[in-house]
């Protein structure tokens, strides 16, 4: 399975990001299930969470050198939101 690369990502609310993939599809991803893992606990701070970035090449979103989420995870577990063409 070929997973599309991330084109853009923005914070939707306290625990959800909207991810646009290079195939035009947009998915919502809820980070809540990751927050019990210590490595992701800084994401509970909304000011930190808002500073999301897309890695060059679209392979992940990240917040710092320790916290990232792969394009595969976002694609597989994200919920279809809308199509760019709609």
N, C-alpha and C. Protein backbone atom coordinates (compact mmCIF):
# COMPACT_ATOMS: atom_id res chain seq x y z
N UNK A 1 0.84 -1.19 0.00
CA UNK A 1 0.00 0.00 0.00
C UNK A 1 0.89 1.25 0.00
N UNK A 2 0.63 2.12 -0.93
CA UNK A 2 1.36 3.37 -1.00
C UNK A 2 0.59 4.42 -0.20
N UNK A 3 1.25 4.98 0.78
CA UNK A 3 0.62 5.99 1.63
C UNK A 3 0.97 7.36 1.08
N UNK A 4 -0.04 8.22 0.88
CA UNK A 4 0.24 9.57 0.38
C UNK A 4 1.08 10.35 1.39
N UNK A 5 1.82 11.29 0.90
CA UNK A 5 2.65 12.15 1.76
C UNK A 5 1.81 13.32 2.27
N UNK A 6 2.26 13.88 3.37
CA UNK A 6 1.57 15.00 4.00
C UNK A 6 1.93 16.29 3.27
N UNK A 7 0.90 17.03 2.91
CA UNK A 7 1.09 18.32 2.25
C UNK A 7 0.99 19.45 3.27
N UNK A 8 0.04 19.33 4.21
CA UNK A 8 -0.17 20.38 5.22
C UNK A 8 -0.84 19.77 6.45
N UNK A 9 -0.65 20.43 7.58
CA UNK A 9 -1.31 20.01 8.82
C UNK A 9 -1.56 21.23 9.68
N UNK A 10 -2.77 21.30 10.24
CA UNK A 10 -3.13 22.40 11.13
C UNK A 10 -3.89 21.83 12.32
N UNK A 11 -3.85 22.55 13.41
CA UNK A 11 -4.57 22.16 14.62
C UNK A 11 -6.02 22.59 14.47
N UNK A 12 -6.94 21.64 14.72
CA UNK A 12 -8.37 21.94 14.63
C UNK A 12 -8.94 22.34 15.99
N UNK A 13 -8.50 21.66 17.05
CA UNK A 13 -8.94 21.97 18.40
C UNK A 13 -7.89 21.46 19.38
N UNK A 14 -8.27 21.26 20.64
CA UNK A 14 -7.31 20.88 21.68
C UNK A 14 -6.57 19.57 21.42
N UNK A 15 -7.19 18.63 20.69
CA UNK A 15 -6.58 17.32 20.51
C UNK A 15 -6.67 16.78 19.08
N UNK A 16 -7.07 17.61 18.15
CA UNK A 16 -7.30 17.12 16.79
C UNK A 16 -6.51 17.96 15.78
N UNK A 17 -5.92 17.25 14.81
CA UNK A 17 -5.25 17.94 13.72
C UNK A 17 -5.93 17.58 12.40
N UNK A 18 -5.89 18.52 11.47
CA UNK A 18 -6.43 18.31 10.13
C UNK A 18 -5.22 18.15 9.22
N UNK A 19 -5.15 16.99 8.55
CA UNK A 19 -3.99 16.68 7.71
C UNK A 19 -4.44 16.60 6.25
N UNK A 20 -3.78 17.38 5.41
CA UNK A 20 -4.03 17.34 3.97
C UNK A 20 -2.91 16.54 3.33
N UNK A 21 -3.29 15.54 2.54
CA UNK A 21 -2.32 14.68 1.87
C UNK A 21 -2.13 15.10 0.42
N UNK A 22 -1.03 14.65 -0.17
CA UNK A 22 -0.72 15.08 -1.52
C UNK A 22 -1.64 14.50 -2.60
N UNK A 23 -2.54 13.59 -2.21
CA UNK A 23 -3.53 13.07 -3.16
C UNK A 23 -4.84 13.87 -3.08
N UNK A 24 -4.85 14.95 -2.26
CA UNK A 24 -6.02 15.81 -2.14
C UNK A 24 -6.96 15.44 -1.02
N UNK A 25 -6.76 14.29 -0.39
CA UNK A 25 -7.66 13.90 0.70
C UNK A 25 -7.24 14.58 2.00
N UNK A 26 -8.25 14.82 2.83
CA UNK A 26 -8.04 15.49 4.11
C UNK A 26 -8.60 14.58 5.19
N UNK A 27 -7.82 14.38 6.26
CA UNK A 27 -8.26 13.54 7.37
C UNK A 27 -8.08 14.26 8.69
N UNK A 28 -8.99 13.94 9.62
CA UNK A 28 -8.88 14.42 10.99
C UNK A 28 -8.17 13.34 11.79
N UNK A 29 -7.23 13.74 12.63
CA UNK A 29 -6.52 12.79 13.47
C UNK A 29 -6.59 13.28 14.91
N UNK A 30 -7.12 12.43 15.79
CA UNK A 30 -7.25 12.75 17.21
C UNK A 30 -6.04 12.18 17.94
N UNK A 31 -5.25 13.03 18.57
CA UNK A 31 -4.04 12.59 19.27
C UNK A 31 -4.33 12.06 20.67
N UNK A 32 -5.58 12.08 21.12
CA UNK A 32 -5.94 11.70 22.49
C UNK A 32 -5.35 10.35 22.90
N UNK A 33 -5.41 9.37 22.01
CA UNK A 33 -4.95 8.03 22.38
C UNK A 33 -3.44 7.95 22.57
N UNK A 34 -2.72 8.94 22.06
CA UNK A 34 -1.27 8.97 22.23
C UNK A 34 -0.83 9.63 23.54
N UNK A 35 -1.71 10.41 24.14
CA UNK A 35 -1.33 11.24 25.28
C UNK A 35 -0.98 10.46 26.53
N UNK A 36 -1.36 9.20 26.62
CA UNK A 36 -1.00 8.39 27.78
C UNK A 36 0.47 7.95 27.72
N UNK A 37 1.07 8.06 26.55
CA UNK A 37 2.49 7.75 26.36
C UNK A 37 3.29 8.99 26.76
N UNK A 38 4.24 8.82 27.67
CA UNK A 38 5.01 9.97 28.19
C UNK A 38 5.65 10.83 27.11
N UNK A 39 6.11 10.22 26.04
CA UNK A 39 6.79 10.98 24.99
C UNK A 39 5.85 12.02 24.36
N UNK A 40 4.53 11.73 24.34
CA UNK A 40 3.56 12.64 23.73
C UNK A 40 2.91 13.59 24.74
N UNK A 41 3.23 13.47 26.03
CA UNK A 41 2.56 14.28 27.05
C UNK A 41 2.69 15.79 26.83
N UNK A 42 3.78 16.31 26.23
CA UNK A 42 3.83 17.77 25.97
C UNK A 42 2.70 18.26 25.07
N UNK A 43 2.08 17.36 24.29
CA UNK A 43 0.99 17.76 23.41
C UNK A 43 -0.26 18.16 24.18
N UNK A 44 -0.30 17.87 25.47
CA UNK A 44 -1.43 18.29 26.31
C UNK A 44 -1.45 19.81 26.48
N UNK A 45 -0.31 20.45 26.30
CA UNK A 45 -0.19 21.91 26.39
C UNK A 45 -0.58 22.48 25.03
N UNK A 46 -1.73 23.17 24.98
CA UNK A 46 -2.25 23.64 23.70
C UNK A 46 -1.29 24.60 22.99
N UNK A 47 -0.58 25.43 23.74
CA UNK A 47 0.37 26.35 23.12
C UNK A 47 1.47 25.56 22.39
N UNK A 48 1.92 24.47 22.98
CA UNK A 48 2.92 23.61 22.34
C UNK A 48 2.29 22.87 21.16
N UNK A 49 1.10 22.32 21.37
CA UNK A 49 0.40 21.54 20.35
C UNK A 49 0.18 22.35 19.07
N UNK A 50 -0.10 23.64 19.20
CA UNK A 50 -0.37 24.50 18.04
C UNK A 50 0.84 24.66 17.12
N UNK A 51 2.02 24.34 17.60
CA UNK A 51 3.24 24.54 16.81
C UNK A 51 3.59 23.35 15.93
N UNK A 52 2.61 22.73 15.37
CA UNK A 52 2.81 21.57 14.51
C UNK A 52 3.50 21.99 13.20
N UNK A 53 4.36 21.11 12.70
CA UNK A 53 5.06 21.35 11.44
C UNK A 53 5.04 20.05 10.63
N UNK A 54 5.22 20.19 9.32
CA UNK A 54 5.31 19.03 8.43
C UNK A 54 6.78 18.82 8.09
N UNK A 55 7.26 17.59 8.26
CA UNK A 55 8.64 17.28 7.90
C UNK A 55 8.84 17.43 6.40
N UNK A 56 10.03 17.87 5.99
CA UNK A 56 10.32 17.94 4.56
C UNK A 56 10.10 16.58 3.90
N UNK A 57 9.45 16.57 2.77
CA UNK A 57 9.14 15.32 2.09
C UNK A 57 7.78 14.76 2.47
N UNK A 58 7.15 15.31 3.52
CA UNK A 58 5.81 14.89 3.91
C UNK A 58 5.71 13.56 4.61
N UNK A 59 6.80 13.12 5.27
CA UNK A 59 6.82 11.81 5.90
C UNK A 59 6.25 11.79 7.32
N UNK A 60 6.04 12.96 7.92
CA UNK A 60 5.52 13.02 9.28
C UNK A 60 5.14 14.46 9.61
N UNK A 61 4.40 14.60 10.71
CA UNK A 61 4.23 15.90 11.34
C UNK A 61 5.08 15.84 12.61
N UNK A 62 5.54 17.00 13.06
CA UNK A 62 6.37 16.99 14.26
C UNK A 62 6.23 18.29 15.04
N UNK A 63 6.64 18.20 16.29
CA UNK A 63 6.63 19.37 17.17
C UNK A 63 8.03 19.73 17.63
N UNK A 64 8.85 18.72 17.83
CA UNK A 64 10.26 18.93 18.17
C UNK A 64 11.02 17.67 17.74
N UNK A 65 12.29 17.58 18.09
CA UNK A 65 13.09 16.44 17.64
C UNK A 65 12.67 15.12 18.27
N UNK A 66 11.86 15.17 19.31
CA UNK A 66 11.42 13.94 20.00
C UNK A 66 9.99 13.52 19.66
N UNK A 67 9.17 14.44 19.21
CA UNK A 67 7.74 14.17 19.03
C UNK A 67 7.35 14.31 17.57
N UNK A 68 6.96 13.18 16.97
CA UNK A 68 6.44 13.20 15.60
C UNK A 68 5.42 12.08 15.42
N UNK A 69 4.64 12.21 14.35
CA UNK A 69 3.65 11.19 13.99
C UNK A 69 3.80 10.95 12.49
N UNK A 70 3.98 9.70 12.12
CA UNK A 70 4.25 9.35 10.73
C UNK A 70 3.05 9.54 9.82
N UNK A 71 3.34 9.69 8.54
CA UNK A 71 2.26 9.80 7.55
C UNK A 71 1.41 8.54 7.54
N UNK A 72 2.02 7.37 7.77
CA UNK A 72 1.27 6.11 7.80
C UNK A 72 0.25 6.11 8.93
N UNK A 73 0.67 6.50 10.13
CA UNK A 73 -0.24 6.56 11.28
C UNK A 73 -1.38 7.54 11.02
N UNK A 74 -1.06 8.70 10.49
CA UNK A 74 -2.09 9.71 10.23
C UNK A 74 -3.07 9.24 9.16
N UNK A 75 -2.55 8.58 8.13
CA UNK A 75 -3.38 8.09 7.04
C UNK A 75 -4.26 6.93 7.51
N UNK A 76 -3.66 5.96 8.19
CA UNK A 76 -4.37 4.75 8.61
C UNK A 76 -5.42 5.04 9.67
N UNK A 77 -5.09 5.88 10.65
CA UNK A 77 -5.99 6.11 11.78
C UNK A 77 -6.72 7.45 11.75
N UNK A 78 -6.47 8.23 10.73
CA UNK A 78 -7.23 9.47 10.57
C UNK A 78 -8.61 9.17 10.02
N UNK A 79 -9.52 10.08 10.25
CA UNK A 79 -10.90 9.94 9.79
C UNK A 79 -11.10 10.86 8.60
N UNK A 80 -11.63 10.31 7.51
CA UNK A 80 -11.88 11.09 6.31
C UNK A 80 -12.65 12.36 6.65
N UNK A 81 -12.18 13.47 6.17
CA UNK A 81 -12.79 14.76 6.47
C UNK A 81 -13.47 15.36 5.26
N UNK A 82 -12.72 15.56 4.19
CA UNK A 82 -13.27 16.14 2.97
C UNK A 82 -12.28 15.95 1.86
N UNK A 83 -12.73 16.15 0.66
CA UNK A 83 -11.85 16.11 -0.49
C UNK A 83 -11.54 17.54 -0.89
N UNK A 84 -10.32 17.81 -1.29
CA UNK A 84 -9.94 19.16 -1.71
C UNK A 84 -10.80 19.66 -2.86
N UNK A 85 -11.28 18.76 -3.70
CA UNK A 85 -12.08 19.14 -4.85
C UNK A 85 -13.54 19.44 -4.53
N UNK A 86 -13.98 19.14 -3.32
CA UNK A 86 -15.39 19.33 -2.94
C UNK A 86 -15.69 20.77 -2.62
